[in-house]
Amino acid sequence: MSKKKNTLKDLDDFLKQQAATLVAPIPLGDTLKERVEKSAQDASTGGLETEISVTSILQDIRTLSEKEGHAFRKKFYDLIIQSLEAQKNSTAEDKMLINTALYLKSPETWKESIRSYWKDRNH
């Protein structure tokens, strides 16, 4: 009695052999180790990207602009102000940029807005 051939198994074996000659398989242990390290890194950074670049920030700002529409500008001005407030050493240029952002946020009442902002910051 002849042995029945399993053509699917033969095809699977052939494809595995061909794939192994094209690309060397990565050992499962290495892949698992990388995943564990990435998970630990993500947990320590709260899941945020560890590499921040000007390009990625600009892309995020563009995405936010599209999402927010007309309301984007005021949020962008707030972002500028908050990022400058986070600086350890404030410069005259930082203060000028904050004043400019406050002016752009409320051009009708800019004097009061700037006065109120600095009064609140000094207390």
PDB file of N, CA and C in Angstrom:
ATOM      1  N   MET A   1       0.845  -1.161   0.000  1.00  0.00           N
ATOM      2  CA  MET A   1       0.000   0.000   0.000  1.00  0.00           C
ATOM      3  C   MET A   1       0.898   1.235   0.000  1.00  0.00           C
ATOM      4  N   SER A   2       0.583   2.167  -0.854  1.00  0.00           N
ATOM      5  CA  SER A   2       1.439   3.343  -0.953  1.00  0.00           C
ATOM      6  C   SER A   2       1.019   4.393   0.085  1.00  0.00           C
ATOM      7  N   LYS A   3       2.010   5.147   0.471  1.00  0.00           N
ATOM      8  CA  LYS A   3       1.790   6.190   1.469  1.00  0.00           C
ATOM      9  C   LYS A   3       1.159   7.402   0.768  1.00  0.00           C
ATOM     10  N   LYS A   4       0.131   7.978   1.384  1.00  0.00           N
ATOM     11  CA  LYS A   4      -0.560   9.118   0.804  1.00  0.00           C
ATOM     12  C   LYS A   4       0.287  10.373   1.005  1.00  0.00           C
ATOM     13  N   LYS A   5       0.477  11.136  -0.059  1.00  0.00           N
ATOM     14  CA  LYS A   5       1.282  12.353   0.010  1.00  0.00           C
ATOM     15  C   LYS A   5       0.442  13.503   0.559  1.00  0.00           C
ATOM     16  N   ASN A   6       1.068  14.328   1.380  1.00  0.00           N
ATOM     17  CA  ASN A   6       0.423  15.524   1.895  1.00  0.00           C
ATOM     18  C   ASN A   6       1.031  16.709   1.158  1.00  0.00           C
ATOM     19  N   THR A   7       0.364  17.139   0.093  1.00  0.00           N
ATOM     20  CA  THR A   7       0.927  18.193  -0.757  1.00  0.00           C
ATOM     21  C   THR A   7       0.986  19.535  -0.037  1.00  0.00           C
ATOM     22  N   LEU A   8       0.050  19.805   0.859  1.00  0.00           N
ATOM     23  CA  LEU A   8       0.105  21.065   1.605  1.00  0.00           C
ATOM     24  C   LEU A   8       1.317  21.114   2.523  1.00  0.00           C
ATOM     25  N   LYS A   9       1.637  19.986   3.141  1.00  0.00           N
ATOM     26  CA  LYS A   9       2.808  19.945   4.007  1.00  0.00           C
ATOM     27  C   LYS A   9       4.077  20.107   3.174  1.00  0.00           C
ATOM     28  N   ASP A  10       4.115  19.457   2.013  1.00  0.00           N
ATOM     29  CA  ASP A  10       5.272  19.592   1.131  1.00  0.00           C
ATOM     30  C   ASP A  10       5.439  21.037   0.666  1.00  0.00           C
ATOM     31  N   LEU A  11       4.331  21.683   0.325  1.00  0.00           N
ATOM     32  CA  LEU A  11       4.380  23.072  -0.115  1.00  0.00           C
ATOM     33  C   LEU A  11       4.843  23.983   1.028  1.00  0.00           C
ATOM     34  N   ASP A  12       4.338  23.737   2.223  1.00  0.00           N
ATOM     35  CA  ASP A  12       4.737  24.530   3.388  1.00  0.00           C
ATOM     36  C   ASP A  12       6.227  24.376   3.658  1.00  0.00           C
ATOM     37  N   ASP A  13       6.718  23.168   3.609  1.00  0.00           N
ATOM     38  CA  ASP A  13       8.154  22.923   3.815  1.00  0.00           C
ATOM     39  C   ASP A  13       8.992  23.630   2.753  1.00  0.00           C
ATOM     40  N   PHE A  14       8.536  23.564   1.507  1.00  0.00           N
ATOM     41  CA  PHE A  14       9.262  24.211   0.417  1.00  0.00           C
ATOM     42  C   PHE A  14       9.315  25.726   0.610  1.00  0.00           C
ATOM     43  N   LEU A  15       8.174  26.327   0.956  1.00  0.00           N
ATOM     44  CA  LEU A  15       8.130  27.781   1.156  1.00  0.00           C
ATOM     45  C   LEU A  15       8.987  28.214   2.335  1.00  0.00           C
ATOM     46  N   LYS A  16       8.997  27.426   3.396  1.00  0.00           N
ATOM     47  CA  LYS A  16       9.858  27.747   4.548  1.00  0.00           C
ATOM     48  C   LYS A  16      11.321  27.701   4.142  1.00  0.00           C
ATOM     49  N   GLN A  17      11.673  26.708   3.353  1.00  0.00           N
ATOM     50  CA  GLN A  17      13.061  26.565   2.891  1.00  0.00           C
ATOM     51  C   GLN A  17      13.456  27.750   2.016  1.00  0.00           C
ATOM     52  N   GLN A  18      12.561  28.149   1.107  1.00  0.00           N
ATOM     53  CA  GLN A  18      12.845  29.280   0.237  1.00  0.00           C
ATOM     54  C   GLN A  18      12.957  30.588   1.032  1.00  0.00           C
ATOM     55  N   ALA A  19      12.055  30.765   1.995  1.00  0.00           N
ATOM     56  CA  ALA A  19      12.085  31.978   2.813  1.00  0.00           C
ATOM     57  C   ALA A  19      13.366  32.043   3.633  1.00  0.00           C
ATOM     58  N   ALA A  20      13.820  30.916   4.117  1.00  0.00           N
ATOM     59  CA  ALA A  20      15.043  30.884   4.922  1.00  0.00           C
ATOM     60  C   ALA A  20      16.263  31.250   4.091  1.00  0.00           C
ATOM     61  N   THR A  21      16.232  30.942   2.801  1.00  0.00           N
ATOM     62  CA  THR A  21      17.375  31.295   1.963  1.00  0.00           C
ATOM     63  C   THR A  21      17.349  32.780   1.587  1.00  0.00           C
ATOM     64  N   LEU A  22      16.153  33.398   1.567  1.00  0.00           N
ATOM     65  CA  LEU A  22      16.049  34.817   1.233  1.00  0.00           C
ATOM     66  C   LEU A  22      16.350  35.710   2.430  1.00  0.00           C
ATOM     67  N   VAL A  23      15.796  35.367   3.568  1.00  0.00           N
ATOM     68  CA  VAL A  23      15.970  36.155   4.784  1.00  0.00           C
ATOM     69  C   VAL A  23      16.230  35.198   5.932  1.00  0.00           C
ATOM     70  N   ALA A  24      17.290  35.471   6.653  1.00  0.00           N
ATOM     71  CA  ALA A  24      17.583  34.628   7.808  1.00  0.00           C
ATOM     72  C   ALA A  24      16.542  34.912   8.892  1.00  0.00           C
ATOM     73  N   PRO A  25      15.920  33.871   9.434  1.00  0.00           N
ATOM     74  CA  PRO A  25      14.910  34.093  10.463  1.00  0.00           C
ATOM     75  C   PRO A  25      15.540  34.640  11.747  1.00  0.00           C
ATOM     76  N   ILE A  26      14.800  35.527  12.404  1.00  0.00           N
ATOM     77  CA  ILE A  26      15.256  36.076  13.679  1.00  0.00           C
ATOM     78  C   ILE A  26      14.872  35.089  14.767  1.00  0.00           C
ATOM     79  N   PRO A  27      15.827  34.730  15.612  1.00  0.00           N
ATOM     80  CA  PRO A  27      15.485  33.804  16.696  1.00  0.00           C
ATOM     81  C   PRO A  27      14.368  34.378  17.573  1.00  0.00           C
ATOM     82  N   LEU A  28      13.444  33.553  17.954  1.00  0.00           N
ATOM     83  CA  LEU A  28      12.295  33.979  18.734  1.00  0.00           C
ATOM     84  C   LEU A  28      12.723  34.631  20.044  1.00  0.00           C
ATOM     85  N   GLY A  29      13.783  34.135  20.641  1.00  0.00           N
ATOM     86  CA  GLY A  29      14.271  34.700  21.896  1.00  0.00           C
ATOM     87  C   GLY A  29      14.664  36.162  21.749  1.00  0.00           C
ATOM     88  N   ASP A  30      15.300  36.526  20.623  1.00  0.00           N
ATOM     89  CA  ASP A  30      15.694  37.913  20.391  1.00  0.00           C
ATOM     90  C   ASP A  30      14.467  38.812  20.223  1.00  0.00           C
ATOM     91  N   THR A  31      13.483  38.334  19.475  1.00  0.00           N
ATOM     92  CA  THR A  31      12.262  39.105  19.251  1.00  0.00           C
ATOM     93  C   THR A  31      11.528  39.329  20.561  1.00  0.00           C
ATOM     94  N   LEU A  32      11.424  38.293  21.358  1.00  0.00           N
ATOM     95  CA  LEU A  32      10.741  38.388  22.640  1.00  0.00           C
ATOM     96  C   LEU A  32      11.471  39.354  23.566  1.00  0.00           C
ATOM     97  N   LYS A  33      12.801  39.280  23.561  1.00  0.00           N
ATOM     98  CA  LYS A  33      13.604  40.173  24.405  1.00  0.00           C
ATOM     99  C   LYS A  33      13.373  41.630  24.008  1.00  0.00           C
ATOM    100  N   GLU A  34      13.336  41.919  22.695  1.00  0.00           N
ATOM    101  CA  GLU A  34      13.093  43.282  22.215  1.00  0.00           C
ATOM    102  C   GLU A  34      11.708  43.766  22.629  1.00  0.00           C
ATOM    103  N   ARG A  35      10.712  42.906  22.548  1.00  0.00           N
ATOM    104  CA  ARG A  35       9.358  43.296  22.927  1.00  0.00           C
ATOM    105  C   ARG A  35       9.269  43.607  24.421  1.00  0.00           C
ATOM    106  N   VAL A  36       9.925  42.789  25.233  1.00  0.00           N
ATOM    107  CA  VAL A  36       9.915  43.022  26.679  1.00  0.00           C
ATOM    108  C   VAL A  36      10.603  44.343  27.004  1.00  0.00           C
ATOM    109  N   GLU A  37      11.760  44.594  26.356  1.00  0.00           N
ATOM    110  CA  GLU A  37      12.476  45.848  26.597  1.00  0.00           C
ATOM    111  C   GLU A  37      11.639  47.042  26.162  1.00  0.00           C
ATOM    112  N   LYS A  38      10.962  46.948  25.012  1.00  0.00           N
ATOM    113  CA  LYS A  38      10.126  48.060  24.526  1.00  0.00           C
ATOM    114  C   LYS A  38       8.953  48.284  25.459  1.00  0.00           C
ATOM    115  N   SER A  39       8.345  47.210  25.954  1.00  0.00           N
ATOM    116  CA  SER A  39       7.231  47.343  26.884  1.00  0.00           C
ATOM    117  C   SER A  39       7.674  48.019  28.170  1.00  0.00           C
ATOM    118  N   ALA A  40       8.840  47.652  28.659  1.00  0.00           N
ATOM    119  CA  ALA A  40       9.368  48.274  29.871  1.00  0.00           C
ATOM    120  C   ALA A  40       9.657  49.750  29.633  1.00  0.00           C
ATOM    121  N   GLN A  41      10.205  50.057  28.470  1.00  0.00           N
ATOM    122  CA  GLN A  41      10.515  51.439  28.126  1.00  0.00           C
ATOM    123  C   GLN A  41       9.227  52.255  27.990  1.00  0.00           C
ATOM    124  N   ASP A  42       8.212  51.699  27.339  1.00  0.00           N
ATOM    125  CA  ASP A  42       6.935  52.388  27.189  1.00  0.00           C
ATOM    126  C   ASP A  42       6.290  52.627  28.549  1.00  0.00           C
ATOM    127  N   ALA A  43       6.401  51.651  29.442  1.00  0.00           N
ATOM    128  CA  ALA A  43       5.822  51.800  30.772  1.00  0.00           C
ATOM    129  C   ALA A  43       6.518  52.916  31.545  1.00  0.00           C
ATOM    130  N   SER A  44       7.825  53.027  31.382  1.00  0.00           N
ATOM    131  CA  SER A  44       8.563  54.057  32.120  1.00  0.00           C
ATOM    132  C   SER A  44       8.325  55.444  31.559  1.00  0.00           C
ATOM    133  N   THR A  45       7.927  55.549  30.293  1.00  0.00           N
ATOM    134  CA  THR A  45       7.655  56.863  29.690  1.00  0.00           C
ATOM    135  C   THR A  45       6.165  57.116  29.564  1.00  0.00           C
ATOM    136  N   GLY A  46       5.370  56.264  30.151  1.00  0.00           N
ATOM    137  CA  GLY A  46       3.924  56.450  30.059  1.00  0.00           C
ATOM    138  C   GLY A  46       3.381  56.135  28.682  1.00  0.00           C
ATOM    139  N   GLY A  47       4.107  55.344  27.890  1.00  0.00           N
ATOM    140  CA  GLY A  47       3.661  54.985  26.554  1.00  0.00           C
ATOM    141  C   GLY A  47       3.982  56.033  25.513  1.00  0.00           C
ATOM    142  N   LEU A  48       4.652  57.116  25.899  1.00  0.00           N
ATOM    143  CA  LEU A  48       4.982  58.164  24.943  1.00  0.00           C
ATOM    144  C   LEU A  48       6.191  57.767  24.132  1.00  0.00           C
ATOM    145  N   GLU A  49       6.309  58.387  22.981  1.00  0.00           N
ATOM    146  CA  GLU A  49       7.497  58.150  22.173  1.00  0.00           C
ATOM    147  C   GLU A  49       8.707  58.640  22.943  1.00  0.00           C
ATOM    148  N   THR A  50       9.792  57.883  22.875  1.00  0.00           N
ATOM    149  CA  THR A  50      10.974  58.296  23.611  1.00  0.00           C
ATOM    150  C   THR A  50      11.784  59.313  22.830  1.00  0.00           C
ATOM    151  N   GLU A  51      11.642  59.328  21.534  1.00  0.00           N
ATOM    152  CA  GLU A  51      12.391  60.274  20.724  1.00  0.00           C
ATOM    153  C   GLU A  51      11.455  61.364  20.234  1.00  0.00           C
ATOM    154  N   ILE A  52      11.729  62.587  20.671  1.00  0.00           N
ATOM    155  CA  ILE A  52      10.924  63.730  20.266  1.00  0.00           C
ATOM    156  C   ILE A  52      11.757  64.553  19.316  1.00  0.00           C
ATOM    157  N   SER A  53      11.151  64.938  18.202  1.00  0.00           N
ATOM    158  CA  SER A  53      11.884  65.727  17.227  1.00  0.00           C
ATOM    159  C   SER A  53      11.034  66.895  16.781  1.00  0.00           C
ATOM    160  N   VAL A  54      11.680  67.879  16.204  1.00  0.00           N
ATOM    161  CA  VAL A  54      10.980  69.046  15.680  1.00  0.00           C
ATOM    162  C   VAL A  54       9.981  68.599  14.613  1.00  0.00           C
ATOM    163  N   THR A  55      10.377  67.648  13.792  1.00  0.00           N
ATOM    164  CA  THR A  55       9.504  67.160  12.727  1.00  0.00           C
ATOM    165  C   THR A  55       8.234  66.530  13.298  1.00  0.00           C
ATOM    166  N   SER A  56       8.382  65.704  14.341  1.00  0.00           N
ATOM    167  CA  SER A  56       7.201  65.049  14.909  1.00  0.00           C
ATOM    168  C   SER A  56       6.300  66.060  15.615  1.00  0.00           C
ATOM    169  N   ILE A  57       6.903  67.050  16.273  1.00  0.00           N
ATOM    170  CA  ILE A  57       6.103  68.082  16.929  1.00  0.00           C
ATOM    171  C   ILE A  57       5.348  68.905  15.890  1.00  0.00           C
ATOM    172  N   LEU A  58       6.026  69.279  14.820  1.00  0.00           N
ATOM    173  CA  LEU A  58       5.381  70.048  13.752  1.00  0.00           C
ATOM    174  C   LEU A  58       4.219  69.264  13.147  1.00  0.00           C
ATOM    175  N   GLN A  59       4.413  67.975  12.938  1.00  0.00           N
ATOM    176  CA  GLN A  59       3.337  67.140  12.395  1.00  0.00           C
ATOM    177  C   GLN A  59       2.156  67.092  13.357  1.00  0.00           C
ATOM    178  N   ASP A  60       2.440  66.985  14.662  1.00  0.00           N
ATOM    179  CA  ASP A  60       1.369  66.975  15.659  1.00  0.00           C
ATOM    180  C   ASP A  60       0.623  68.308  15.676  1.00  0.00           C
ATOM    181  N   ILE A  61       1.353  69.410  15.528  1.00  0.00           N
ATOM    182  CA  ILE A  61       0.717  70.720  15.491  1.00  0.00           C
ATOM    183  C   ILE A  61      -0.176  70.844  14.258  1.00  0.00           C
ATOM    184  N   ARG A  62       0.286  70.353  13.124  1.00  0.00           N
ATOM    185  CA  ARG A  62      -0.532  70.380  11.907  1.00  0.00           C
ATOM    186  C   ARG A  62      -1.801  69.559  12.079  1.00  0.00           C
ATOM    187  N   THR A  63      -1.664  68.397  12.683  1.00  0.00           N
ATOM    188  CA  THR A  63      -2.818  67.530  12.914  1.00  0.00           C
ATOM    189  C   THR A  63      -3.811  68.215  13.847  1.00  0.00           C
ATOM    190  N   LEU A  64      -3.293  68.829  14.911  1.00  0.00           N
ATOM    191  CA  LEU A  64      -4.161  69.542  15.846  1.00  0.00           C
ATOM    192  C   LEU A  64      -4.863  70.699  15.152  1.00  0.00           C
ATOM    193  N   SER A  65      -4.158  71.403  14.291  1.00  0.00           N
ATOM    194  CA  SER A  65      -4.738  72.524  13.545  1.00  0.00           C
ATOM    195  C   SER A  65      -5.909  72.054  12.687  1.00  0.00           C
ATOM    196  N   GLU A  66      -5.726  70.946  11.995  1.00  0.00           N
ATOM    197  CA  GLU A  66      -6.801  70.409  11.163  1.00  0.00           C
ATOM    198  C   GLU A  66      -7.988  69.978  12.008  1.00  0.00           C
ATOM    199  N   LYS A  67      -7.708  69.396  13.162  1.00  0.00           N
ATOM    200  CA  LYS A  67      -8.755  68.895  14.041  1.00  0.00           C
ATOM    201  C   LYS A  67      -9.533  70.033  14.704  1.00  0.00           C
ATOM    202  N   GLU A  68      -8.830  71.066  15.155  1.00  0.00           N
ATOM    203  CA  GLU A  68      -9.447  72.139  15.927  1.00  0.00           C
ATOM    204  C   GLU A  68     -10.080  73.230  15.067  1.00  0.00           C
ATOM    205  N   GLY A  69      -9.595  73.399  13.848  1.00  0.00           N
ATOM    206  CA  GLY A  69     -10.148  74.437  12.981  1.00  0.00           C
ATOM    207  C   GLY A  69      -9.838  75.833  13.491  1.00  0.00           C
ATOM    208  N   HIS A  70     -10.876  76.676  13.545  1.00  0.00           N
ATOM    209  CA  HIS A  70     -10.708  78.075  13.945  1.00  0.00           C
ATOM    210  C   HIS A  70     -10.235  78.211  15.400  1.00  0.00           C
ATOM    211  N   ALA A  71     -10.602  77.292  16.268  1.00  0.00           N
ATOM    212  CA  ALA A  71     -10.228  77.353  17.685  1.00  0.00           C
ATOM    213  C   ALA A  71      -8.747  77.045  17.904  1.00  0.00           C
ATOM    214  N   PHE A  72      -8.084  76.579  16.868  1.00  0.00           N
ATOM    215  CA  PHE A  72      -6.679  76.175  17.004  1.00  0.00           C
ATOM    216  C   PHE A  72      -5.785  77.316  17.451  1.00  0.00           C
ATOM    217  N   ARG A  73      -5.950  78.502  16.903  1.00  0.00           N
ATOM    218  CA  ARG A  73      -5.019  79.605  17.176  1.00  0.00           C
ATOM    219  C   ARG A  73      -4.921  79.925  18.661  1.00  0.00           C
ATOM    220  N   LYS A  74      -6.048  80.033  19.341  1.00  0.00           N
ATOM    221  CA  LYS A  74      -6.003  80.345  20.770  1.00  0.00           C
ATOM    222  C   LYS A  74      -5.316  79.227  21.552  1.00  0.00           C
ATOM    223  N   LYS A  75      -5.556  78.004  21.155  1.00  0.00           N
ATOM    224  CA  LYS A  75      -4.890  76.881  21.824  1.00  0.00           C
ATOM    225  C   LYS A  75      -3.396  76.896  21.535  1.00  0.00           C
ATOM    226  N   PHE A  76      -3.040  77.277  20.332  1.00  0.00           N
ATOM    227  CA  PHE A  76      -1.627  77.364  19.964  1.00  0.00           C
ATOM    228  C   PHE A  76      -0.933  78.465  20.774  1.00  0.00           C
ATOM    229  N   TYR A  77      -1.595  79.606  20.942  1.00  0.00           N
ATOM    230  CA  TYR A  77      -1.023  80.681  21.742  1.00  0.00           C
ATOM    231  C   TYR A  77      -0.849  80.234  23.194  1.00  0.00           C
ATOM    232  N   ASP A  78      -1.841  79.492  23.716  1.00  0.00           N
ATOM    233  CA  ASP A  78      -1.713  78.948  25.071  1.00  0.00           C
ATOM    234  C   ASP A  78      -0.530  77.985  25.163  1.00  0.00           C
ATOM    235  N   LEU A  79      -0.344  77.191  24.129  1.00  0.00           N
ATOM    236  CA  LEU A  79       0.777  76.261  24.085  1.00  0.00           C
ATOM    237  C   LEU A  79       2.111  77.001  24.145  1.00  0.00           C
ATOM    238  N   ILE A  80       2.214  78.094  23.401  1.00  0.00           N
ATOM    239  CA  ILE A  80       3.431  78.904  23.418  1.00  0.00           C
ATOM    240  C   ILE A  80       3.679  79.436  24.834  1.00  0.00           C
ATOM    241  N   ILE A  81       2.641  79.988  25.429  1.00  0.00           N
ATOM    242  CA  ILE A  81       2.774  80.561  26.772  1.00  0.00           C
ATOM    243  C   ILE A  81       3.185  79.486  27.782  1.00  0.00           C
ATOM    244  N   GLN A  82       2.507  78.351  27.748  1.00  0.00           N
ATOM    245  CA  GLN A  82       2.803  77.280  28.704  1.00  0.00           C
ATOM    246  C   GLN A  82       4.207  76.719  28.520  1.00  0.00           C
ATOM    247  N   SER A  83       4.656  76.612  27.268  1.00  0.00           N
ATOM    248  CA  SER A  83       6.004  76.079  27.055  1.00  0.00           C
ATOM    249  C   SER A  83       7.063  77.052  27.544  1.00  0.00           C
ATOM    250  N   LEU A  84       6.817  78.344  27.414  1.00  0.00           N
ATOM    251  CA  LEU A  84       7.769  79.334  27.915  1.00  0.00           C
ATOM    252  C   LEU A  84       7.738  79.410  29.442  1.00  0.00           C
ATOM    253  N   GLU A  85       6.567  79.218  30.032  1.00  0.00           N
ATOM    254  CA  GLU A  85       6.472  79.197  31.494  1.00  0.00           C
ATOM    255  C   GLU A  85       7.257  78.029  32.090  1.00  0.00           C
ATOM    256  N   ALA A  86       7.390  76.956  31.328  1.00  0.00           N
ATOM    257  CA  ALA A  86       8.088  75.769  31.810  1.00  0.00           C
ATOM    258  C   ALA A  86       9.614  75.919  31.795  1.00  0.00           C
ATOM    259  N   GLN A  87      10.101  76.949  31.127  1.00  0.00           N
ATOM    260  CA  GLN A  87      11.547  77.170  31.068  1.00  0.00           C
ATOM    261  C   GLN A  87      12.058  77.592  32.441  1.00  0.00           C
ATOM    262  N   LYS A  88      13.229  77.105  32.801  1.00  0.00           N
ATOM    263  CA  LYS A  88      13.794  77.431  34.110  1.00  0.00           C
ATOM    264  C   LYS A  88      14.251  78.882  34.177  1.00  0.00           C
ATOM    265  N   ASN A  89      14.931  79.341  33.163  1.00  0.00           N
ATOM    266  CA  ASN A  89      15.432  80.708  33.145  1.00  0.00           C
ATOM    267  C   ASN A  89      14.703  81.501  32.079  1.00  0.00           C
ATOM    268  N   SER A  90      13.861  82.418  32.529  1.00  0.00           N
ATOM    269  CA  SER A  90      13.084  83.234  31.601  1.00  0.00           C
ATOM    270  C   SER A  90      13.942  84.385  31.083  1.00  0.00           C
ATOM    271  N   THR A  91      13.881  84.607  29.785  1.00  0.00           N
ATOM    272  CA  THR A  91      14.640  85.697  29.173  1.00  0.00           C
ATOM    273  C   THR A  91      13.687  86.816  28.768  1.00  0.00           C
ATOM    274  N   ALA A  92      14.250  87.936  28.397  1.00  0.00           N
ATOM    275  CA  ALA A  92      13.446  89.062  27.917  1.00  0.00           C
ATOM    276  C   ALA A  92      12.691  88.662  26.658  1.00  0.00           C
ATOM    277  N   GLU A  93      13.331  87.848  25.821  1.00  0.00           N
ATOM    278  CA  GLU A  93      12.676  87.380  24.595  1.00  0.00           C
ATOM    279  C   GLU A  93      11.481  86.496  24.908  1.00  0.00           C
ATOM    280  N   ASP A  94      11.608  85.667  25.960  1.00  0.00           N
ATOM    281  CA  ASP A  94      10.493  84.822  26.382  1.00  0.00           C
ATOM    282  C   ASP A  94       9.308  85.690  26.798  1.00  0.00           C
ATOM    283  N   LYS A  95       9.592  86.712  27.583  1.00  0.00           N
ATOM    284  CA  LYS A  95       8.524  87.605  28.047  1.00  0.00           C
ATOM    285  C   LYS A  95       7.868  88.333  26.875  1.00  0.00           C
ATOM    286  N   MET A  96       8.683  88.742  25.918  1.00  0.00           N
ATOM    287  CA  MET A  96       8.133  89.421  24.743  1.00  0.00           C
ATOM    288  C   MET A  96       7.241  88.469  23.944  1.00  0.00           C
ATOM    289  N   LEU A  97       7.657  87.223  23.810  1.00  0.00           N
ATOM    290  CA  LEU A  97       6.848  86.247  23.077  1.00  0.00           C
ATOM    291  C   LEU A  97       5.548  85.950  23.817  1.00  0.00           C
ATOM    292  N   ILE A  98       5.612  85.875  25.149  1.00  0.00           N
ATOM    293  CA  ILE A  98       4.391  85.683  25.942  1.00  0.00           C
ATOM    294  C   ILE A  98       3.452  86.862  25.718  1.00  0.00           C
ATOM    295  N   ASN A  99       3.992  88.090  25.782  1.00  0.00           N
ATOM    296  CA  ASN A  99       3.158  89.266  25.561  1.00  0.00           C
ATOM    297  C   ASN A  99       2.547  89.260  24.159  1.00  0.00           C
ATOM    298  N   THR A 100       3.318  88.832  23.181  1.00  0.00           N
ATOM    299  CA  THR A 100       2.811  88.759  21.806  1.00  0.00           C
ATOM    300  C   THR A 100       1.681  87.736  21.708  1.00  0.00           C
ATOM    301  N   ALA A 101       1.869  86.576  22.323  1.00  0.00           N
ATOM    302  CA  ALA A 101       0.829  85.542  22.306  1.00  0.00           C
ATOM    303  C   ALA A 101      -0.431  86.041  23.014  1.00  0.00           C
ATOM    304  N   LEU A 102      -0.254  86.744  24.124  1.00  0.00           N
ATOM    305  CA  LEU A 102      -1.412  87.302  24.832  1.00  0.00           C
ATOM    306  C   LEU A 102      -2.129  88.331  23.968  1.00  0.00           C
ATOM    307  N   TYR A 103      -1.366  89.146  23.269  1.00  0.00           N
ATOM    308  CA  TYR A 103      -1.957  90.132  22.352  1.00  0.00           C
ATOM    309  C   TYR A 103      -2.760  89.429  21.243  1.00  0.00           C
ATOM    310  N   LEU A 104      -2.173  88.380  20.661  1.00  0.00           N
ATOM    311  CA  LEU A 104      -2.844  87.667  19.573  1.00  0.00           C
ATOM    312  C   LEU A 104      -4.096  86.931  20.064  1.00  0.00           C
ATOM    313  N   LYS A 105      -4.073  86.483  21.320  1.00  0.00           N
ATOM    314  CA  LYS A 105      -5.234  85.800  21.888  1.00  0.00           C
ATOM    315  C   LYS A 105      -6.420  86.730  22.050  1.00  0.00           C
ATOM    316  N   SER A 106      -6.142  87.962  22.435  1.00  0.00           N
ATOM    317  CA  SER A 106      -7.243  88.906  22.670  1.00  0.00           C
ATOM    318  C   SER A 106      -6.834  90.312  22.229  1.00  0.00           C
ATOM    319  N   PRO A 107      -6.845  90.554  20.922  1.00  0.00           N
ATOM    320  CA  PRO A 107      -6.379  91.848  20.416  1.00  0.00           C
ATOM    321  C   PRO A 107      -7.226  93.039  20.880  1.00  0.00           C
ATOM    322  N   GLU A 108      -8.495  92.807  21.206  1.00  0.00           N
ATOM    323  CA  GLU A 108      -9.349  93.908  21.648  1.00  0.00           C
ATOM    324  C   GLU A 108      -8.993  94.382  23.044  1.00  0.00           C
ATOM    325  N   THR A 109      -8.594  93.452  23.896  1.00  0.00           N
ATOM    326  CA  THR A 109      -8.306  93.777  25.303  1.00  0.00           C
ATOM    327  C   THR A 109      -6.887  93.378  25.672  1.00  0.00           C
ATOM    328  N   TRP A 110      -5.965  93.554  24.759  1.00  0.00           N
ATOM    329  CA  TRP A 110      -4.611  93.057  24.977  1.00  0.00           C
ATOM    330  C   TRP A 110      -3.915  93.703  26.163  1.00  0.00           C
ATOM    331  N   LYS A 111      -4.130  94.998  26.396  1.00  0.00           N
ATOM    332  CA  LYS A 111      -3.451  95.660  27.527  1.00  0.00           C
ATOM    333  C   LYS A 111      -3.879  95.043  28.843  1.00  0.00           C
ATOM    334  N   GLU A 112      -5.160  94.865  29.021  1.00  0.00           N
ATOM    335  CA  GLU A 112      -5.666  94.269  30.260  1.00  0.00           C
ATOM    336  C   GLU A 112      -5.233  92.810  30.388  1.00  0.00           C
ATOM    337  N   SER A 113      -5.223  92.099  29.290  1.00  0.00           N
ATOM    338  CA  SER A 113      -4.814  90.703  29.295  1.00  0.00           C
ATOM    339  C   SER A 113      -3.363  90.553  29.739  1.00  0.00           C
ATOM    340  N   ILE A 114      -2.496  91.382  29.193  1.00  0.00           N
ATOM    341  CA  ILE A 114      -1.070  91.329  29.557  1.00  0.00           C
ATOM    342  C   ILE A 114      -0.876  91.758  31.010  1.00  0.00           C
ATOM    343  N   ARG A 115      -1.536  92.829  31.409  1.00  0.00           N
ATOM    344  CA  ARG A 115      -1.425  93.318  32.793  1.00  0.00           C
ATOM    345  C   ARG A 115      -1.898  92.247  33.776  1.00  0.00           C
ATOM    346  N   SER A 116      -3.025  91.647  33.487  1.00  0.00           N
ATOM    347  CA  SER A 116      -3.581  90.611  34.363  1.00  0.00           C
ATOM    348  C   SER A 116      -2.669  89.382  34.436  1.00  0.00           C
ATOM    349  N   TYR A 117      -2.135  88.984  33.288  1.00  0.00           N
ATOM    350  CA  TYR A 117      -1.252  87.816  33.253  1.00  0.00           C
ATOM    351  C   TYR A 117      -0.043  88.024  34.165  1.00  0.00           C
ATOM    352  N   TRP A 118       0.644  89.146  34.020  1.00  0.00           N
ATOM    353  CA  TRP A 118       1.863  89.378  34.790  1.00  0.00           C
ATOM    354  C   TRP A 118       1.562  89.635  36.255  1.00  0.00           C
ATOM    355  N   LYS A 119       0.400  90.224  36.551  1.00  0.00           N
ATOM    356  CA  LYS A 119      -0.007  90.433  37.949  1.00  0.00           C
ATOM    357  C   LYS A 119      -0.204  89.077  38.623  1.00  0.00           C
ATOM    358  N   ASP A 120      -0.897  88.160  37.928  1.00  0.00           N
ATOM    359  CA  ASP A 120      -1.141  86.828  38.478  1.00  0.00           C
ATOM    360  C   ASP A 120       0.151  86.025  38.607  1.00  0.00           C
ATOM    361  N   ARG A 121       1.079  86.200  37.696  1.00  0.00           N
ATOM    362  CA  ARG A 121       2.349  85.453  37.713  1.00  0.00           C
ATOM    363  C   ARG A 121       3.263  85.906  38.844  1.00  0.00           C
ATOM    364  N   ASN A 122       3.155  87.169  39.242  1.00  0.00           N
ATOM    365  CA  ASN A 122       4.039  87.709  40.273  1.00  0.00           C
ATOM    366  C   ASN A 122       3.519  87.443  41.687  1.00  0.00           C
ATOM    367  N   HIS A 123       2.331  86.889  41.802  1.00  0.00           N
ATOM    368  CA  HIS A 123       1.801  86.593  43.133  1.00  0.00           C
ATOM    369  C   HIS A 123       1.953  85.174  43.506  1.00  0.00           C
TER     370      HIS A 123
END
